[in-house]
PDB file of N, CA and C in Angstrom:
ATOM      1  N   MET A   1       7.382 -35.011 -75.335  1.00  0.00           N
ATOM      2  CA  MET A   1       9.159 -34.108 -75.668  1.00  0.00           C
ATOM      3  C   MET A   1      10.181 -36.187 -75.334  1.00  0.00           C
ATOM      4  N   LEU A   2       9.451 -36.325 -74.929  1.00  0.00           N
ATOM      5  CA  LEU A   2      10.987 -37.451 -74.747  1.00  0.00           C
ATOM      6  C   LEU A   2      11.115 -37.993 -75.883  1.00  0.00           C
ATOM      7  N   ALA A   3       9.447 -38.394 -76.764  1.00  0.00           N
ATOM      8  CA  ALA A   3      10.684 -39.578 -78.030  1.00  0.00           C
ATOM      9  C   ALA A   3      11.474 -38.440 -79.119  1.00  0.00           C
ATOM     10  N   SER A   4      11.435 -37.328 -78.728  1.00  0.00           N
ATOM     11  CA  SER A   4      11.503 -35.688 -79.784  1.00  0.00           C
ATOM     12  C   SER A   4      12.997 -35.993 -79.390  1.00  0.00           C
ATOM     13  N   MET A   5      13.156 -35.961 -78.032  1.00  0.00           N
ATOM     14  CA  MET A   5      14.834 -36.608 -77.278  1.00  0.00           C
ATOM     15  C   MET A   5      15.951 -37.493 -77.280  1.00  0.00           C
ATOM     16  N   MET A   6      14.726 -38.439 -77.323  1.00  0.00           N
ATOM     17  CA  MET A   6      15.063 -39.751 -78.288  1.00  0.00           C
ATOM     18  C   MET A   6      15.462 -39.602 -79.406  1.00  0.00           C
ATOM     19  N   VAL A   7      14.803 -39.663 -80.474  1.00  0.00           N
ATOM     20  CA  VAL A   7      14.919 -39.749 -81.449  1.00  0.00           C
ATOM     21  C   VAL A   7      16.045 -37.943 -82.102  1.00  0.00           C
ATOM     22  N   GLY A   8      16.011 -37.443 -81.351  1.00  0.00           N
ATOM     23  CA  GLY A   8      17.221 -36.517 -81.769  1.00  0.00           C
ATOM     24  C   GLY A   8      18.562 -37.274 -81.603  1.00  0.00           C
ATOM     25  N   PHE A   9      18.772 -37.501 -79.977  1.00  0.00           N
ATOM     26  CA  PHE A   9      19.978 -38.002 -80.148  1.00  0.00           C
ATOM     27  C   PHE A   9      20.176 -39.048 -81.348  1.00  0.00           C
ATOM     28  N   MET A  10      19.337 -40.115 -81.062  1.00  0.00           N
ATOM     29  CA  MET A  10      19.830 -41.223 -81.927  1.00  0.00           C
ATOM     30  C   MET A  10      20.173 -40.428 -83.741  1.00  0.00           C
ATOM     31  N   VAL A  11      19.802 -39.504 -83.577  1.00  0.00           N
ATOM     32  CA  VAL A  11      19.999 -38.849 -85.113  1.00  0.00           C
ATOM     33  C   VAL A  11      21.924 -38.658 -85.034  1.00  0.00           C
ATOM     34  N   SER A  12      21.877 -37.772 -83.972  1.00  0.00           N
ATOM     35  CA  SER A  12      22.819 -36.428 -83.555  1.00  0.00           C
ATOM     36  C   SER A  12      23.901 -38.061 -84.272  1.00  0.00           C
ATOM     37  N   LEU A  13      23.957 -39.179 -82.965  1.00  0.00           N
ATOM     38  CA  LEU A  13      24.733 -40.533 -83.347  1.00  0.00           C
ATOM     39  C   LEU A  13      24.427 -41.080 -84.159  1.00  0.00           C
ATOM     40  N   PHE A  14      24.346 -41.158 -85.077  1.00  0.00           N
ATOM     41  CA  PHE A  14      24.180 -41.191 -86.891  1.00  0.00           C
ATOM     42  C   PHE A  14      24.660 -40.635 -87.451  1.00  0.00           C
ATOM     43  N   GLN A  15      24.874 -38.582 -87.402  1.00  0.00           N
ATOM     44  CA  GLN A  15      25.155 -37.993 -88.158  1.00  0.00           C
ATOM     45  C   GLN A  15      27.551 -38.151 -87.071  1.00  0.00           C
ATOM     46  N   ALA A  16      27.373 -38.284 -86.068  1.00  0.00           N
ATOM     47  CA  ALA A  16      28.742 -38.387 -85.199  1.00  0.00           C
ATOM     48  C   ALA A  16      29.083 -39.270 -86.412  1.00  0.00           C
ATOM     49  N   THR A  17      28.637 -40.848 -86.781  1.00  0.00           N
ATOM     50  CA  THR A  17      29.271 -42.001 -86.703  1.00  0.00           C
ATOM     51  C   THR A  17      29.243 -41.898 -88.528  1.00  0.00           C
ATOM     52  N   THR A  18      28.329 -41.414 -89.220  1.00  0.00           N
ATOM     53  CA  THR A  18      28.471 -41.268 -90.279  1.00  0.00           C
ATOM     54  C   THR A  18      29.347 -40.637 -90.519  1.00  0.00           C
ATOM     55  N   GLN A  19      29.429 -38.931 -90.416  1.00  0.00           N
ATOM     56  CA  GLN A  19      29.609 -37.542 -90.351  1.00  0.00           C
ATOM     57  C   GLN A  19      29.345 -36.705 -91.567  1.00  0.00           C
ATOM     58  N   ILE A  20      27.970 -37.385 -91.153  1.00  0.00           N
ATOM     59  CA  ILE A  20      27.084 -36.763 -91.975  1.00  0.00           C
ATOM     60  C   ILE A  20      26.142 -35.460 -91.198  1.00  0.00           C
ATOM     61  N   GLN A  21      26.924 -34.116 -91.469  1.00  0.00           N
ATOM     62  CA  GLN A  21      26.632 -32.687 -90.496  1.00  0.00           C
ATOM     63  C   GLN A  21      25.557 -31.561 -91.395  1.00  0.00           C
ATOM     64  N   GLU A  22      24.235 -32.611 -91.674  1.00  0.00           N
ATOM     65  CA  GLU A  22      23.532 -31.970 -92.757  1.00  0.00           C
ATOM     66  C   GLU A  22      22.325 -31.626 -91.187  1.00  0.00           C
ATOM     67  N   GLN A  23      22.304 -29.887 -91.418  1.00  0.00           N
ATOM     68  CA  GLN A  23      21.628 -29.404 -89.907  1.00  0.00           C
ATOM     69  C   GLN A  23      19.994 -30.639 -89.901  1.00  0.00           C
ATOM     70  N   THR A  24      19.467 -29.814 -91.953  1.00  0.00           N
ATOM     71  CA  THR A  24      18.262 -30.779 -91.496  1.00  0.00           C
ATOM     72  C   THR A  24      17.621 -31.975 -90.921  1.00  0.00           C
ATOM     73  N   LEU A  25      18.809 -32.747 -91.240  1.00  0.00           N
ATOM     74  CA  LEU A  25      18.276 -34.626 -90.873  1.00  0.00           C
ATOM     75  C   LEU A  25      17.576 -34.669 -89.480  1.00  0.00           C
ATOM     76  N   SER A  26      17.572 -33.716 -89.055  1.00  0.00           N
ATOM     77  CA  SER A  26      16.735 -34.081 -87.416  1.00  0.00           C
ATOM     78  C   SER A  26      15.288 -33.911 -87.778  1.00  0.00           C
ATOM     79  N   TYR A  27      14.926 -32.837 -89.015  1.00  0.00           N
ATOM     80  CA  TYR A  27      13.724 -32.381 -88.326  1.00  0.00           C
ATOM     81  C   TYR A  27      12.761 -33.342 -88.616  1.00  0.00           C
ATOM     82  N   VAL A  28      12.262 -33.475 -89.793  1.00  0.00           N
ATOM     83  CA  VAL A  28      11.870 -34.913 -90.372  1.00  0.00           C
ATOM     84  C   VAL A  28      11.953 -36.179 -89.262  1.00  0.00           C
ATOM     85  N   PRO A  29      12.670 -36.834 -88.860  1.00  0.00           N
ATOM     86  CA  PRO A  29      12.067 -38.017 -88.383  1.00  0.00           C
ATOM     87  C   PRO A  29      11.283 -37.168 -86.378  1.00  0.00           C
ATOM     88  N   LYS A  30      12.910 -35.783 -85.237  1.00  0.00           N
ATOM     89  CA  LYS A  30      12.087 -35.677 -84.588  1.00  0.00           C
ATOM     90  C   LYS A  30      10.329 -35.180 -85.136  1.00  0.00           C
ATOM     91  N   LEU A  31      10.336 -34.850 -86.426  1.00  0.00           N
ATOM     92  CA  LEU A  31       8.436 -34.377 -86.422  1.00  0.00           C
ATOM     93  C   LEU A  31       7.452 -35.883 -86.913  1.00  0.00           C
ATOM     94  N   VAL A  32       7.704 -36.210 -87.557  1.00  0.00           N
ATOM     95  CA  VAL A  32       7.075 -37.799 -87.515  1.00  0.00           C
ATOM     96  C   VAL A  32       7.028 -38.986 -86.115  1.00  0.00           C
ATOM     97  N   ALA A  33       8.167 -38.750 -84.946  1.00  0.00           N
ATOM     98  CA  ALA A  33       7.995 -38.922 -83.710  1.00  0.00           C
ATOM     99  C   ALA A  33       7.788 -37.858 -82.625  1.00  0.00           C
ATOM    100  N   VAL A  34       7.280 -36.793 -82.949  1.00  0.00           N
ATOM    101  CA  VAL A  34       6.195 -36.187 -81.998  1.00  0.00           C
ATOM    102  C   VAL A  34       4.228 -36.844 -82.714  1.00  0.00           C
ATOM    103  N   PHE A  35       4.261 -36.507 -83.828  1.00  0.00           N
ATOM    104  CA  PHE A  35       3.182 -36.993 -84.236  1.00  0.00           C
ATOM    105  C   PHE A  35       2.516 -38.375 -84.665  1.00  0.00           C
ATOM    106  N   VAL A  36       3.130 -39.513 -84.603  1.00  0.00           N
ATOM    107  CA  VAL A  36       3.097 -40.657 -83.572  1.00  0.00           C
ATOM    108  C   VAL A  36       2.413 -40.841 -82.241  1.00  0.00           C
ATOM    109  N   THR A  37       3.369 -39.591 -81.438  1.00  0.00           N
ATOM    110  CA  THR A  37       3.249 -40.128 -80.021  1.00  0.00           C
ATOM    111  C   THR A  37       2.252 -39.241 -79.629  1.00  0.00           C
ATOM    112  N   LEU A  38       1.443 -38.035 -80.679  1.00  0.00           N
ATOM    113  CA  LEU A  38       0.295 -36.987 -79.666  1.00  0.00           C
ATOM    114  C   LEU A  38      -0.224 -38.393 -80.569  1.00  0.00           C
ATOM    115  N   MET A  39      -0.451 -39.695 -81.730  1.00  0.00           N
ATOM    116  CA  MET A  39      -1.508 -40.610 -81.820  1.00  0.00           C
ATOM    117  C   MET A  39      -1.457 -41.379 -81.381  1.00  0.00           C
ATOM    118  N   ILE A  40      -0.848 -41.643 -80.523  1.00  0.00           N
ATOM    119  CA  ILE A  40      -0.800 -43.354 -79.972  1.00  0.00           C
ATOM    120  C   ILE A  40      -0.968 -42.299 -78.347  1.00  0.00           C
ATOM    121  N   MET A  41      -1.080 -41.095 -77.643  1.00  0.00           N
ATOM    122  CA  MET A  41      -1.091 -40.796 -76.181  1.00  0.00           C
ATOM    123  C   MET A  41      -2.803 -39.956 -76.397  1.00  0.00           C
ATOM    124  N   GLY A  42      -2.625 -39.185 -77.984  1.00  0.00           N
ATOM    125  CA  GLY A  42      -4.004 -38.415 -78.259  1.00  0.00           C
ATOM    126  C   GLY A  42      -4.981 -38.395 -77.444  1.00  0.00           C
ATOM    127  N   PRO A  43      -5.424 -39.667 -77.447  1.00  0.00           N
ATOM    128  CA  PRO A  43      -7.343 -39.687 -76.644  1.00  0.00           C
ATOM    129  C   PRO A  43      -7.059 -40.066 -74.960  1.00  0.00           C
ATOM    130  N   TRP A  44      -5.653 -40.830 -74.301  1.00  0.00           N
ATOM    131  CA  TRP A  44      -5.155 -40.401 -73.130  1.00  0.00           C
ATOM    132  C   TRP A  44      -5.212 -38.974 -72.649  1.00  0.00           C
ATOM    133  N   ILE A  45      -5.133 -38.302 -73.153  1.00  0.00           N
ATOM    134  CA  ILE A  45      -4.055 -36.937 -73.364  1.00  0.00           C
ATOM    135  C   ILE A  45      -5.308 -35.887 -73.286  1.00  0.00           C
ATOM    136  N   LEU A  46      -6.630 -36.609 -74.086  1.00  0.00           N
ATOM    137  CA  LEU A  46      -7.762 -35.306 -74.408  1.00  0.00           C
ATOM    138  C   LEU A  46      -8.908 -35.586 -72.694  1.00  0.00           C
ATOM    139  N   SER A  47      -8.337 -37.408 -72.876  1.00  0.00           N
ATOM    140  CA  SER A  47      -9.178 -38.135 -72.002  1.00  0.00           C
ATOM    141  C   SER A  47      -9.169 -36.871 -70.257  1.00  0.00           C
ATOM    142  N   GLN A  48      -7.850 -36.865 -70.292  1.00  0.00           N
ATOM    143  CA  GLN A  48      -7.853 -35.945 -69.053  1.00  0.00           C
ATOM    144  C   GLN A  48      -7.895 -34.534 -69.291  1.00  0.00           C
ATOM    145  N   ALA A  49      -7.792 -34.354 -70.362  1.00  0.00           N
ATOM    146  CA  ALA A  49      -8.619 -32.733 -70.009  1.00  0.00           C
ATOM    147  C   ALA A  49      -9.772 -32.659 -70.511  1.00  0.00           C
ATOM    148  N   VAL A  50     -10.820 -33.811 -70.531  1.00  0.00           N
ATOM    149  CA  VAL A  50     -12.036 -33.346 -70.277  1.00  0.00           C
ATOM    150  C   VAL A  50     -12.237 -33.623 -68.920  1.00  0.00           C
ATOM    151  N   ARG A  51     -11.876 -35.042 -67.957  1.00  0.00           N
ATOM    152  CA  ARG A  51     -11.560 -34.567 -66.597  1.00  0.00           C
ATOM    153  C   ARG A  51     -11.296 -33.760 -65.724  1.00  0.00           C
ATOM    154  N   PHE A  52     -10.523 -32.392 -66.243  1.00  0.00           N
ATOM    155  CA  PHE A  52      -9.798 -31.455 -65.634  1.00  0.00           C
ATOM    156  C   PHE A  52     -10.719 -29.961 -65.664  1.00  0.00           C
ATOM    157  N   THR A  53     -11.588 -30.657 -66.848  1.00  0.00           N
ATOM    158  CA  THR A  53     -12.073 -29.256 -67.461  1.00  0.00           C
ATOM    159  C   THR A  53     -13.553 -29.811 -66.400  1.00  0.00           C
ATOM    160  N   ALA A  54     -14.108 -31.009 -66.109  1.00  0.00           N
ATOM    161  CA  ALA A  54     -15.820 -32.071 -65.954  1.00  0.00           C
ATOM    162  C   ALA A  54     -15.409 -30.539 -64.174  1.00  0.00           C
ATOM    163  N   VAL A  55     -13.943 -31.237 -63.475  1.00  0.00           N
ATOM    164  CA  VAL A  55     -13.822 -30.667 -62.278  1.00  0.00           C
ATOM    165  C   VAL A  55     -13.613 -29.719 -61.507  1.00  0.00           C
ATOM    166  N   LEU A  56     -13.504 -29.380 -62.229  1.00  0.00           N
ATOM    167  CA  LEU A  56     -13.214 -27.665 -63.185  1.00  0.00           C
ATOM    168  C   LEU A  56     -15.164 -26.396 -62.895  1.00  0.00           C
ATOM    169  N   PHE A  57     -15.012 -27.086 -63.199  1.00  0.00           N
ATOM    170  CA  PHE A  57     -16.522 -26.244 -63.773  1.00  0.00           C
ATOM    171  C   PHE A  57     -17.211 -27.054 -62.431  1.00  0.00           C
ATOM    172  N   GLU A  58     -16.928 -28.302 -62.271  1.00  0.00           N
ATOM    173  CA  GLU A  58     -18.286 -28.344 -60.577  1.00  0.00           C
ATOM    174  C   GLU A  58     -17.658 -28.459 -59.417  1.00  0.00           C
ATOM    175  N   THR A  59     -15.754 -27.490 -59.678  1.00  0.00           N
ATOM    176  CA  THR A  59     -15.624 -26.822 -58.094  1.00  0.00           C
ATOM    177  C   THR A  59     -15.914 -25.000 -58.061  1.00  0.00           C
ATOM    178  N   ILE A  60     -16.024 -23.796 -59.587  1.00  0.00           N
ATOM    179  CA  ILE A  60     -16.513 -22.655 -59.155  1.00  0.00           C
ATOM    180  C   ILE A  60     -17.631 -22.798 -58.267  1.00  0.00           C
ATOM    181  N   PRO A  61     -18.135 -23.509 -58.279  1.00  0.00           N
ATOM    182  CA  PRO A  61     -19.559 -23.037 -57.441  1.00  0.00           C
ATOM    183  C   PRO A  61     -19.507 -23.123 -55.956  1.00  0.00           C
ATOM    184  N   LEU A  62     -18.023 -24.042 -55.287  1.00  0.00           N
ATOM    185  CA  LEU A  62     -17.402 -23.962 -54.249  1.00  0.00           C
ATOM    186  C   LEU A  62     -16.412 -23.319 -53.378  1.00  0.00           C
ATOM    187  N   VAL A  63     -16.142 -21.535 -54.452  1.00  0.00           N
ATOM    188  CA  VAL A  63     -15.013 -20.975 -54.399  1.00  0.00           C
ATOM    189  C   VAL A  63     -15.706 -19.826 -53.767  1.00  0.00           C
ATOM    190  N   ARG A  64     -14.954 -19.323 -53.141  1.00  0.00           N
ATOM    191  CA  ARG A  64     -16.206 -18.157 -52.613  1.00  0.00           C
ATOM    192  C   ARG A  64     -14.686 -16.804 -52.807  1.00  0.00           C
TER     193      ARG A  64
END
């Protein structure tokens, strides 16, 4: 979300300085930024989700 916000800010700053008021201009850079961020952070996010699920399943028998 932070990557999308930063790219959105940069695109809006660019639009304000060049006076280009196209609404669809910000969608493509935001999508690219989100997909690149997911490609970079994806393995870490997946490992955290797997670790959380394993701990959750291990603690189920301990719950009364």
